Protein backbone atom coordinates (compact mmCIF):
# COMPACT_ATOMS: atom_id res chain seq x y z
CA MET A 1 -156.86 -89.99 28.27
CA LYS A 2 -154.18 -89.88 30.67
CA LEU A 3 -153.20 -86.38 29.93
CA LYS A 4 -156.89 -85.40 30.38
CA LEU A 5 -156.76 -86.92 33.95
CA ILE A 6 -153.42 -85.35 34.91
CA SER A 7 -154.73 -82.00 33.82
CA LYS A 8 -157.79 -82.25 36.03
CA THR A 9 -155.96 -83.90 38.91
CA LEU A 10 -153.35 -81.06 38.91
CA ILE A 11 -155.83 -78.53 39.12
CA SER A 12 -157.51 -80.02 41.97
CA LEU A 13 -154.34 -80.54 43.66
CA SER A 14 -153.50 -76.88 43.16
CA LEU A 15 -156.69 -75.57 44.54
CA THR A 16 -156.49 -78.02 47.42
CA GLY A 17 -153.03 -76.31 48.32
CA SER A 18 -154.57 -72.88 47.91
CA LEU A 19 -157.32 -73.25 50.14
CA LEU A 20 -155.23 -74.67 52.79
CA ALA A 21 -152.94 -71.80 52.61
CA PHE A 22 -155.01 -69.47 54.68
CA SER A 23 -152.52 -67.88 56.94
CA SER A 24 -148.90 -67.57 57.62
CA TYR A 25 -147.33 -67.95 60.84
CA ALA A 26 -148.52 -64.52 61.75
CA ASN A 27 -149.69 -64.65 65.28
CA ALA A 28 -152.29 -67.17 66.26
CA ALA A 29 -152.79 -70.95 65.53
CA GLY A 30 -154.98 -71.60 62.40
CA PHE A 31 -155.73 -68.35 60.84
CA GLN A 32 -157.31 -66.62 63.90
CA LEU A 33 -155.79 -63.02 64.95
CA TYR A 34 -155.63 -61.73 68.41
CA GLU A 35 -154.68 -58.17 67.58
CA GLN A 36 -158.05 -56.40 67.66
CA ASP A 37 -156.51 -53.83 70.12
CA SER A 38 -152.82 -52.91 68.96
CA ALA A 39 -152.21 -51.84 72.79
CA GLY A 40 -152.73 -55.44 73.63
CA LEU A 41 -149.52 -56.42 71.85
CA GLY A 42 -147.60 -55.34 75.10
CA ASP A 43 -149.04 -57.94 77.21
CA TYR A 44 -150.22 -60.59 74.67
CA HIS A 45 -154.10 -59.73 75.16
CA ALA A 46 -153.71 -61.11 78.69
CA GLY A 47 -156.94 -60.00 80.48
CA GLY A 48 -158.80 -58.87 77.44
CA ALA A 49 -162.24 -59.85 78.57
CA ALA A 50 -161.74 -58.23 82.08
CA GLU A 51 -159.43 -55.14 81.57
CA ALA A 52 -161.85 -53.00 80.08
CA ASP A 53 -159.72 -49.87 80.10
CA SER A 54 -160.63 -48.61 76.53
CA ALA A 55 -163.05 -48.52 73.84
CA SER A 56 -161.69 -51.80 72.49
CA THR A 57 -163.62 -53.62 75.06
CA ALA A 58 -166.41 -53.32 72.77
CA TRP A 59 -164.87 -56.31 70.93
CA TYR A 60 -163.18 -58.16 73.82
CA ASN A 61 -166.04 -58.10 76.11
CA PRO A 62 -168.97 -55.54 75.49
CA ALA A 63 -170.08 -55.49 79.09
CA GLY A 64 -166.81 -53.66 79.82
CA LEU A 65 -168.17 -50.65 78.07
CA ILE A 66 -169.98 -49.62 81.27
CA ARG A 67 -166.74 -48.83 82.93
CA LEU A 68 -166.07 -45.80 80.50
CA LYS A 69 -167.24 -42.55 81.94
CA ARG A 70 -166.38 -40.43 78.91
CA GLN A 71 -166.67 -40.61 74.96
CA GLU A 72 -163.74 -42.36 73.74
CA ILE A 73 -162.23 -42.96 70.00
CA THR A 74 -159.13 -45.59 69.89
CA THR A 75 -157.34 -46.59 66.71
CA GLY A 76 -154.25 -48.22 66.10
CA VAL A 77 -152.52 -50.75 63.58
CA ALA A 78 -150.23 -53.92 64.22
CA ALA A 79 -147.51 -54.71 61.56
CA VAL A 80 -146.65 -58.32 61.31
CA HIS A 81 -143.63 -59.70 59.82
CA THR A 82 -143.40 -63.48 59.44
CA ASN A 83 -140.48 -65.87 58.71
CA LEU A 84 -141.76 -69.04 57.12
CA PRO A 85 -138.82 -71.23 55.62
CA TYR A 86 -139.67 -74.72 54.04
CA ASN A 87 -136.74 -76.96 53.57
CA GLY A 88 -137.15 -80.27 52.15
CA THR A 89 -138.33 -82.05 48.81
CA VAL A 90 -141.33 -81.68 46.42
CA GLU A 91 -142.18 -84.54 43.96
CA VAL A 92 -145.07 -84.26 41.47
CA ASN A 93 -145.54 -87.59 39.44
CA THR A 94 -146.56 -85.67 36.42
CA VAL A 95 -143.61 -83.30 36.68
CA ASN A 96 -140.59 -85.02 38.35
CA PRO A 97 -141.47 -88.61 39.01
CA GLY A 98 -139.09 -90.45 41.22
CA ASN A 99 -136.66 -87.43 41.25
CA PRO A 100 -137.88 -85.38 44.13
CA ALA A 101 -136.49 -81.61 43.82
CA THR A 102 -134.88 -80.10 46.94
CA VAL A 103 -136.61 -76.86 47.75
CA HIS A 104 -135.48 -74.14 50.06
CA ALA A 105 -138.35 -71.63 50.21
CA GLN A 106 -139.52 -68.67 51.95
CA GLY A 107 -143.00 -68.13 52.77
CA GLY A 108 -143.07 -65.14 54.94
CA ASN A 109 -144.33 -61.55 54.32
CA TRP A 110 -145.51 -58.32 55.84
CA GLY A 111 -148.98 -57.75 56.89
CA TYR A 112 -151.14 -54.83 58.71
CA ILE A 113 -154.07 -55.23 61.05
CA PRO A 114 -155.86 -52.02 61.80
CA ASN A 115 -158.59 -51.39 64.30
CA PHE A 116 -161.04 -48.53 65.19
CA TYR A 117 -163.28 -48.10 68.15
CA TYR A 118 -165.80 -45.46 69.53
CA ALA A 119 -167.41 -45.75 72.75
CA ARG A 120 -170.11 -43.59 74.76
CA PRO A 121 -171.88 -43.79 78.03
CA ILE A 122 -175.50 -42.98 77.93
CA ASN A 123 -176.01 -42.81 81.75
CA ASP A 124 -174.89 -44.90 84.90
CA ASN A 125 -176.60 -48.06 83.51
CA TRP A 126 -176.22 -47.98 79.79
CA ALA A 127 -173.36 -47.59 77.31
CA VAL A 128 -172.96 -48.19 73.50
CA GLY A 129 -169.88 -48.66 71.27
CA PHE A 130 -168.74 -49.39 67.90
CA GLY A 131 -165.90 -51.37 66.34
CA ALA A 132 -163.96 -52.23 62.97
CA VAL A 133 -161.57 -54.99 63.34
CA VAL A 134 -159.83 -57.85 61.57
CA PRO A 135 -160.53 -61.07 63.63
CA PHE A 136 -159.10 -63.62 61.05
CA GLY A 137 -156.78 -63.32 58.00
CA LEU A 138 -153.20 -62.97 56.70
CA GLU A 139 -151.10 -64.50 53.91
CA THR A 140 -148.73 -66.80 52.68
CA ASP A 141 -146.64 -66.02 49.64
CA TYR A 142 -143.98 -68.66 48.41
CA SER A 143 -142.06 -67.98 45.37
CA SER A 144 -142.91 -69.38 41.98
CA ASP A 145 -139.37 -69.98 41.20
CA THR A 146 -139.09 -73.54 42.65
CA TYR A 147 -141.01 -76.67 42.64
CA ILE A 148 -142.90 -75.63 45.73
CA ARG A 149 -145.33 -73.66 43.46
CA TYR A 150 -147.09 -77.05 42.77
CA ALA A 151 -147.86 -76.96 46.43
CA ALA A 152 -148.42 -73.38 47.25
CA THR A 153 -147.72 -69.79 46.11
CA LYS A 154 -149.80 -66.88 47.11
CA THR A 155 -153.07 -67.11 49.19
CA SER A 156 -154.57 -64.35 51.34
CA VAL A 157 -157.72 -64.23 53.30
CA GLU A 158 -158.98 -61.03 55.24
CA VAL A 159 -162.02 -60.71 57.31
CA ILE A 160 -163.19 -57.33 58.38
CA ASP A 161 -165.76 -57.35 61.18
CA ILE A 162 -167.84 -54.11 61.89
CA GLY A 163 -170.70 -53.53 64.18
CA PRO A 164 -172.45 -51.91 67.16
CA SER A 165 -172.42 -52.98 70.80
CA VAL A 166 -174.42 -52.17 73.99
CA ALA A 167 -173.60 -52.57 77.79
CA TYR A 168 -176.11 -52.75 80.67
CA GLN A 169 -175.20 -52.51 84.46
CA LEU A 170 -177.24 -55.08 86.17
CA ASN A 171 -176.01 -54.09 89.85
CA ARG A 172 -172.93 -53.09 91.60
CA VAL A 173 -171.14 -56.23 90.48
CA ILE A 174 -172.60 -57.53 87.25
CA SER A 175 -172.76 -55.84 83.75
CA LEU A 176 -173.91 -57.50 80.44
CA GLY A 177 -172.86 -56.82 77.00
CA LEU A 178 -174.17 -57.62 73.57
CA GLY A 179 -172.47 -56.98 70.06
CA LEU A 180 -173.69 -57.56 66.54
CA ASP A 181 -170.94 -58.53 63.82
CA ALA A 182 -171.21 -57.93 60.11
CA GLN A 183 -168.26 -59.72 58.56
CA HIS A 184 -166.83 -59.09 55.01
CA MET A 185 -164.45 -61.84 53.71
CA GLU A 186 -162.29 -61.75 50.87
CA GLY A 187 -160.17 -64.37 49.63
CA ILE A 188 -157.69 -65.00 46.85
CA PHE A 189 -156.43 -68.34 46.12
CA ASN A 190 -153.55 -68.76 43.47
CA GLN A 191 -151.52 -71.70 42.50
CA TYR A 192 -149.93 -73.41 39.74
CA ALA A 193 -150.52 -76.71 37.77
CA GLY A 194 -148.23 -78.53 35.48
CA VAL A 195 -147.50 -81.40 33.17
CA GLY A 196 -143.72 -81.85 32.71
CA THR A 197 -141.96 -78.64 33.00
CA THR A 198 -143.26 -76.78 30.04
CA LEU A 199 -147.09 -76.73 30.59
CA ASP A 200 -147.17 -74.72 33.77
CA THR A 201 -150.59 -73.22 34.26
CA LYS A 202 -151.77 -70.76 36.65
CA SER A 203 -154.93 -71.01 38.53
CA LYS A 204 -156.36 -67.93 40.02
CA ASN A 205 -159.42 -67.74 42.25
CA SER A 206 -161.01 -65.12 44.33
CA GLY A 207 -164.30 -64.62 46.21
CA SER A 208 -166.01 -62.52 48.72
CA ASP A 209 -168.87 -62.52 51.10
CA TRP A 210 -170.84 -60.92 53.68
CA ALA A 211 -172.01 -62.93 56.88
CA TYR A 212 -173.38 -62.16 60.26
CA GLY A 213 -172.77 -63.09 63.93
CA TYR A 214 -172.78 -61.85 67.41
CA HIS A 215 -170.56 -61.48 70.47
CA ALA A 216 -171.67 -61.21 74.31
CA GLY A 217 -170.13 -61.02 77.61
CA ILE A 218 -170.66 -60.46 81.33
CA LEU A 219 -168.13 -58.60 83.65
CA LEU A 220 -168.06 -59.22 87.40
CA GLN A 221 -166.56 -56.33 89.29
CA PHE A 222 -166.02 -57.96 92.67
CA THR A 223 -163.97 -55.12 94.16
CA PRO A 224 -162.66 -51.89 92.82
CA THR A 225 -159.45 -53.80 92.12
CA THR A 226 -160.55 -56.99 90.97
CA ARG A 227 -162.72 -58.11 88.26
CA VAL A 228 -163.40 -61.17 85.99
CA GLY A 229 -164.59 -61.25 82.44
CA LEU A 230 -166.30 -63.81 80.29
CA ALA A 231 -167.02 -63.33 76.39
CA TYR A 232 -168.28 -65.33 73.70
CA HIS A 233 -168.05 -64.79 69.95
CA SER A 234 -170.30 -66.85 67.79
CA GLN A 235 -169.75 -69.05 64.66
CA VAL A 236 -169.93 -67.16 61.42
CA VAL A 237 -170.30 -69.11 57.91
CA HIS A 238 -169.08 -67.45 54.79
CA HIS A 239 -170.32 -68.40 51.30
CA LEU A 240 -167.84 -66.97 49.12
CA THR A 241 -168.80 -66.12 45.39
CA GLY A 242 -166.50 -64.79 42.79
CA LYS A 243 -164.16 -65.57 39.61
CA SER A 244 -161.88 -68.43 38.63
CA LYS A 245 -159.21 -68.07 36.04
CA PHE A 246 -156.94 -70.81 34.48
CA ILE A 247 -154.30 -68.95 32.75
CA GLY A 248 -151.67 -71.04 30.59
CA PRO A 249 -151.14 -73.75 28.15
CA LEU A 250 -153.59 -76.14 29.90
CA ALA A 251 -156.54 -73.81 29.68
CA ASN A 252 -159.24 -74.05 27.22
CA GLY A 253 -158.74 -77.77 26.60
CA LEU A 254 -154.98 -77.37 25.82
CA ALA A 255 -155.66 -74.38 23.37
CA GLY A 256 -154.03 -72.08 26.04
CA GLY A 257 -154.85 -68.41 26.83
CA THR A 258 -157.29 -67.71 29.84
CA GLN A 259 -160.27 -69.79 30.55
CA VAL A 260 -162.74 -68.05 33.01
CA SER A 261 -165.52 -69.05 35.47
CA ASP A 262 -167.55 -66.37 36.57
CA ASP A 263 -169.55 -68.49 39.28
CA LEU A 264 -166.82 -69.66 41.74
CA LYS A 265 -168.48 -70.58 45.14
CA GLY A 266 -166.62 -71.62 48.40
CA ASN A 267 -167.68 -72.34 52.04
CA VAL A 268 -165.54 -71.26 55.04
CA ALA A 269 -166.68 -71.62 58.71
CA LEU A 270 -165.22 -69.50 61.12
CA PRO A 271 -165.09 -71.10 64.70
CA PRO A 272 -166.95 -69.71 67.98
CA TYR A 273 -164.64 -69.04 70.90
CA ALA A 274 -164.69 -68.26 74.47
CA GLN A 275 -162.60 -66.22 76.64
CA LEU A 276 -162.34 -66.08 80.39
CA SER A 277 -160.05 -63.31 81.91
CA PHE A 278 -159.14 -62.03 85.20
CA TYR A 279 -157.65 -58.52 86.27
CA HIS A 280 -156.26 -57.33 89.63
CA ASP A 281 -154.53 -54.40 90.93
CA PHE A 282 -151.98 -55.19 93.79
CA ASN A 283 -151.48 -51.37 94.39
CA ALA A 284 -151.12 -48.11 92.51
CA GLN A 285 -148.09 -49.39 90.55
CA TRP A 286 -148.67 -53.06 89.96
CA SER A 287 -151.45 -55.05 88.14
CA ILE A 288 -151.78 -58.82 86.87
CA LEU A 289 -153.71 -59.94 84.09
CA ALA A 290 -154.57 -63.46 82.99
CA SER A 291 -156.66 -65.17 80.14
CA ALA A 292 -157.73 -68.61 78.82
CA MET A 293 -159.32 -68.70 75.43
CA TYR A 294 -161.11 -71.78 73.99
CA THR A 295 -161.63 -71.76 70.20
CA MET A 296 -164.02 -74.45 68.81
CA TRP A 297 -162.09 -75.19 65.55
CA SER A 298 -163.93 -78.59 65.14
CA VAL A 299 -166.41 -76.86 63.08
CA PHE A 300 -163.81 -76.37 60.37
CA ARG A 301 -164.24 -79.83 58.93
CA ASP A 302 -163.60 -79.30 55.38
CA LEU A 303 -163.30 -76.73 52.75
CA ARG A 304 -165.48 -76.91 49.42
CA LEU A 305 -164.71 -74.89 46.17
CA GLU A 306 -167.23 -75.05 43.24
CA ASN A 307 -167.30 -74.13 39.65
CA VAL A 308 -163.50 -74.00 39.37
CA ALA A 309 -162.11 -73.26 35.82
CA ALA A 310 -160.44 -76.75 34.85
CA ILE A 311 -160.41 -79.32 32.11
CA ASN A 312 -163.00 -82.03 31.75
CA ALA A 313 -161.47 -85.30 32.24
CA VAL A 314 -163.75 -87.16 29.78
CA THR A 315 -164.22 -84.79 26.82
CA PHE A 316 -160.88 -82.87 27.43
CA SER A 317 -162.64 -79.68 26.92
CA PRO A 318 -162.90 -76.54 29.19
CA ASP A 319 -164.79 -77.46 32.44
CA ASN A 320 -165.95 -74.37 34.60
CA ASN A 321 -167.93 -76.77 36.93
CA ALA A 322 -165.03 -78.65 38.83
CA VAL A 323 -165.81 -79.23 42.52
CA ILE A 324 -163.12 -79.72 45.22
CA THR A 325 -163.50 -80.80 48.75
CA VAL A 326 -160.66 -80.80 51.25
CA ALA A 327 -161.08 -82.54 54.43
CA GLU A 328 -159.54 -80.56 57.23
CA ASP A 329 -160.74 -82.28 60.59
CA TYR A 330 -159.55 -79.31 62.82
CA ARG A 331 -159.36 -79.69 66.50
CA ASN A 332 -160.48 -77.40 69.50
CA THR A 333 -157.68 -75.42 70.82
CA TRP A 334 -156.60 -73.57 74.03
CA ASN A 335 -154.73 -70.25 74.25
CA PHE A 336 -153.25 -69.01 77.61
CA ALA A 337 -151.80 -65.47 78.29
CA LEU A 338 -150.30 -63.97 81.40
CA GLY A 339 -149.33 -60.38 81.72
CA ALA A 340 -148.34 -57.53 84.11
CA HIS A 341 -148.45 -53.70 84.21
CA TYR A 342 -145.97 -51.43 86.07
CA LYS A 343 -146.38 -47.72 86.62
CA PRO A 344 -143.05 -46.10 87.61
CA ILE A 345 -144.46 -42.77 87.09
CA GLN A 346 -147.99 -41.29 87.09
CA ASN A 347 -148.15 -41.07 83.12
CA LEU A 348 -146.27 -44.23 82.12
CA THR A 349 -147.21 -47.92 82.19
CA ILE A 350 -144.77 -50.64 81.31
CA LYS A 351 -146.29 -53.74 79.97
CA ALA A 352 -145.18 -57.37 79.47
CA GLY A 353 -146.62 -60.76 78.63
CA VAL A 354 -146.12 -64.42 77.97
CA GLY A 355 -148.49 -66.94 76.27
CA TYR A 356 -148.97 -70.34 74.65
CA ASP A 357 -151.10 -71.10 71.73
CA GLU A 358 -151.99 -74.49 70.52
CA SER A 359 -152.65 -75.51 66.82
CA PRO A 360 -155.80 -76.87 65.59
CA ALA A 361 -153.75 -78.93 62.96
CA ARG A 362 -153.82 -82.56 63.14
CA SER A 363 -150.15 -83.99 62.17
CA ALA A 364 -151.95 -86.07 59.60
CA TYR A 365 -152.86 -83.21 57.49
CA ARG A 366 -149.97 -81.08 58.02
CA ASN A 367 -148.62 -79.55 54.85
CA VAL A 368 -146.48 -76.79 53.26
CA GLN A 369 -149.44 -74.84 52.79
CA LEU A 370 -150.46 -74.53 56.34
CA PRO A 371 -147.65 -75.83 58.31
CA ASP A 372 -149.23 -75.13 61.54
CA GLN A 373 -147.72 -75.83 65.01
CA ASN A 374 -147.94 -74.87 68.58
CA ARG A 375 -146.26 -71.59 69.66
CA PHE A 376 -145.00 -69.46 72.49
CA ALA A 377 -145.14 -65.89 72.75
CA VAL A 378 -143.29 -63.17 74.62
CA ALA A 379 -144.62 -59.34 74.57
CA ALA A 380 -143.54 -56.01 75.85
CA GLY A 381 -145.04 -52.47 75.53
CA LEU A 382 -145.45 -49.01 76.81
CA HIS A 383 -148.57 -46.76 77.48
CA TYR A 384 -147.89 -42.88 77.86
CA GLN A 385 -150.59 -40.47 78.79
CA PHE A 386 -149.40 -37.14 76.97
CA LEU A 387 -152.41 -35.31 77.96
CA PRO A 388 -155.43 -35.94 80.24
CA ASP A 389 -157.39 -36.84 77.24
CA LEU A 390 -154.81 -38.30 74.95
CA GLY A 391 -152.69 -41.33 75.25
CA ALA A 392 -150.71 -43.87 73.22
CA ASP A 393 -149.41 -47.25 73.17
CA ILE A 394 -146.56 -49.10 71.63
CA GLY A 395 -146.04 -52.82 71.69
CA TYR A 396 -143.95 -55.58 70.49
CA MET A 397 -144.40 -59.35 70.50
CA HIS A 398 -142.34 -62.45 69.13
CA LEU A 399 -143.48 -65.85 68.51
CA PHE A 400 -141.45 -68.88 68.78
CA ILE A 401 -143.11 -71.61 66.75
CA ARG A 402 -142.10 -75.29 67.14
CA LYS A 403 -140.71 -77.32 64.12
CA ALA A 404 -143.24 -78.66 62.01
CA ASN A 405 -142.34 -81.99 60.32
CA ILE A 406 -144.01 -82.52 57.13
CA ASN A 407 -144.49 -86.10 55.25
CA LEU A 408 -147.56 -85.93 53.09
CA THR A 409 -148.67 -87.12 49.96
CA GLN A 410 -151.85 -85.44 48.52
CA ALA A 411 -153.68 -87.43 45.85
CA VAL A 412 -156.68 -86.93 43.74
CA SER A 413 -157.43 -89.86 41.20
CA ASN A 414 -154.15 -91.24 40.15
CA GLU A 415 -151.89 -88.19 40.61
CA GLU A 416 -149.81 -87.24 43.58
CA VAL A 417 -147.88 -84.42 45.04
CA THR A 418 -145.34 -85.45 47.83
CA THR A 419 -143.52 -83.15 50.19
CA ILE A 420 -141.07 -84.23 52.64
CA GLY A 421 -139.37 -81.63 54.92
CA SER A 422 -139.97 -79.26 57.73
CA THR A 423 -140.73 -75.60 58.62
CA GLN A 424 -139.78 -73.74 61.96
CA GLY A 425 -141.12 -70.47 61.39
CA SER A 426 -141.24 -67.18 63.61
CA ALA A 427 -142.98 -63.80 63.78
CA ASN A 428 -142.48 -60.34 64.96
CA LEU A 429 -145.38 -57.90 65.51
CA TYR A 430 -145.20 -54.23 66.24
CA GLY A 431 -148.04 -52.17 67.51
CA LEU A 432 -149.22 -48.60 67.75
CA GLN A 433 -152.44 -47.24 69.10
CA VAL A 434 -153.81 -43.88 70.20
CA THR A 435 -156.67 -43.10 72.47
CA TRP A 436 -158.58 -39.93 72.76
CA ASP A 437 -161.23 -39.18 75.40
CA PHE A 438 -163.70 -36.23 74.96
């Protein structure tokens, strides 16, 4: 009976870890991404809802589409390299009770965030646009060679958002915009469970879903050189469906092999957020940009995974109906960005930015799967206009992430996994974007 409870417990703990490991230290708190416009890397997305200088405004503030006077296509990619070391101990009372294993593990990785936009003015009062972006996602990838595999290995989540947008100029000062969001989420949640050191069994879980939302904005053009933008992105709730596999000696009631559930289900609530931005040209050479973003992470209360391949704790038989509920209790957060642009010559713009990003994670829930902490950002970039109709941007951003201390015991029934240690990660982001007017 004890082995039955151990098996089911460790599977539950494994999936708890997997669900929590939504993102690495990529670039934003929680698992939110800011690089929906690779050109924005150069100033840390400062002024995102007010700058409105390319078709990417279809995402940041669709009201800004009214400022574009020609058809435009802009596309780019941001490459992200994360450094996520964990230094500490891991103790699993069914594997190494009373003898914590010292662990030095690296959870960083490379990731790529693409974007594509098209915009077209209809007349002096109407404009339309289309965007394809990645607003949430990225990956953690801890090695399976250390005891950290019982707390986290590889987990990835990617959300692709596509949809049209429209802008209307109400008068000389006010423009309004609205965009529709069709989101596709894919998630992979992999983890190890074990009894002793000889019964390691891998839990592989994957699911996907389409869900829908909207974003809207207003742009106030007070003078030819000064404007303010306010944009809002709605909450989107994903109901993932997919497959759960339990592979190894604990599967199929200790018969081993592969146990499969074809009806995996999981719920993920992506938070709504609002951004207020300011843009001002001092003269033909200097501009200043600023933004404040408020993300309502409090909608992310817990994670629920149903129909997981596991072991029944009573009959000691395969069980494909395990239910895991993980409390998160995220808090709402602020992000602040300040940037400047300088044009030393007609075709060249030099960009710089700094920022601060709050973490939604509460210290009581911090773990090795998502050791999130507050971060500071510095950014620099260049825009060069090669031809009247063709320009390109390059950008670089570095994140300084505060040390995250971890002292947590994750328990299900009578089984426990204890991690005591810390992480202090960082990230480098590199962006390239091309813009073509026609």
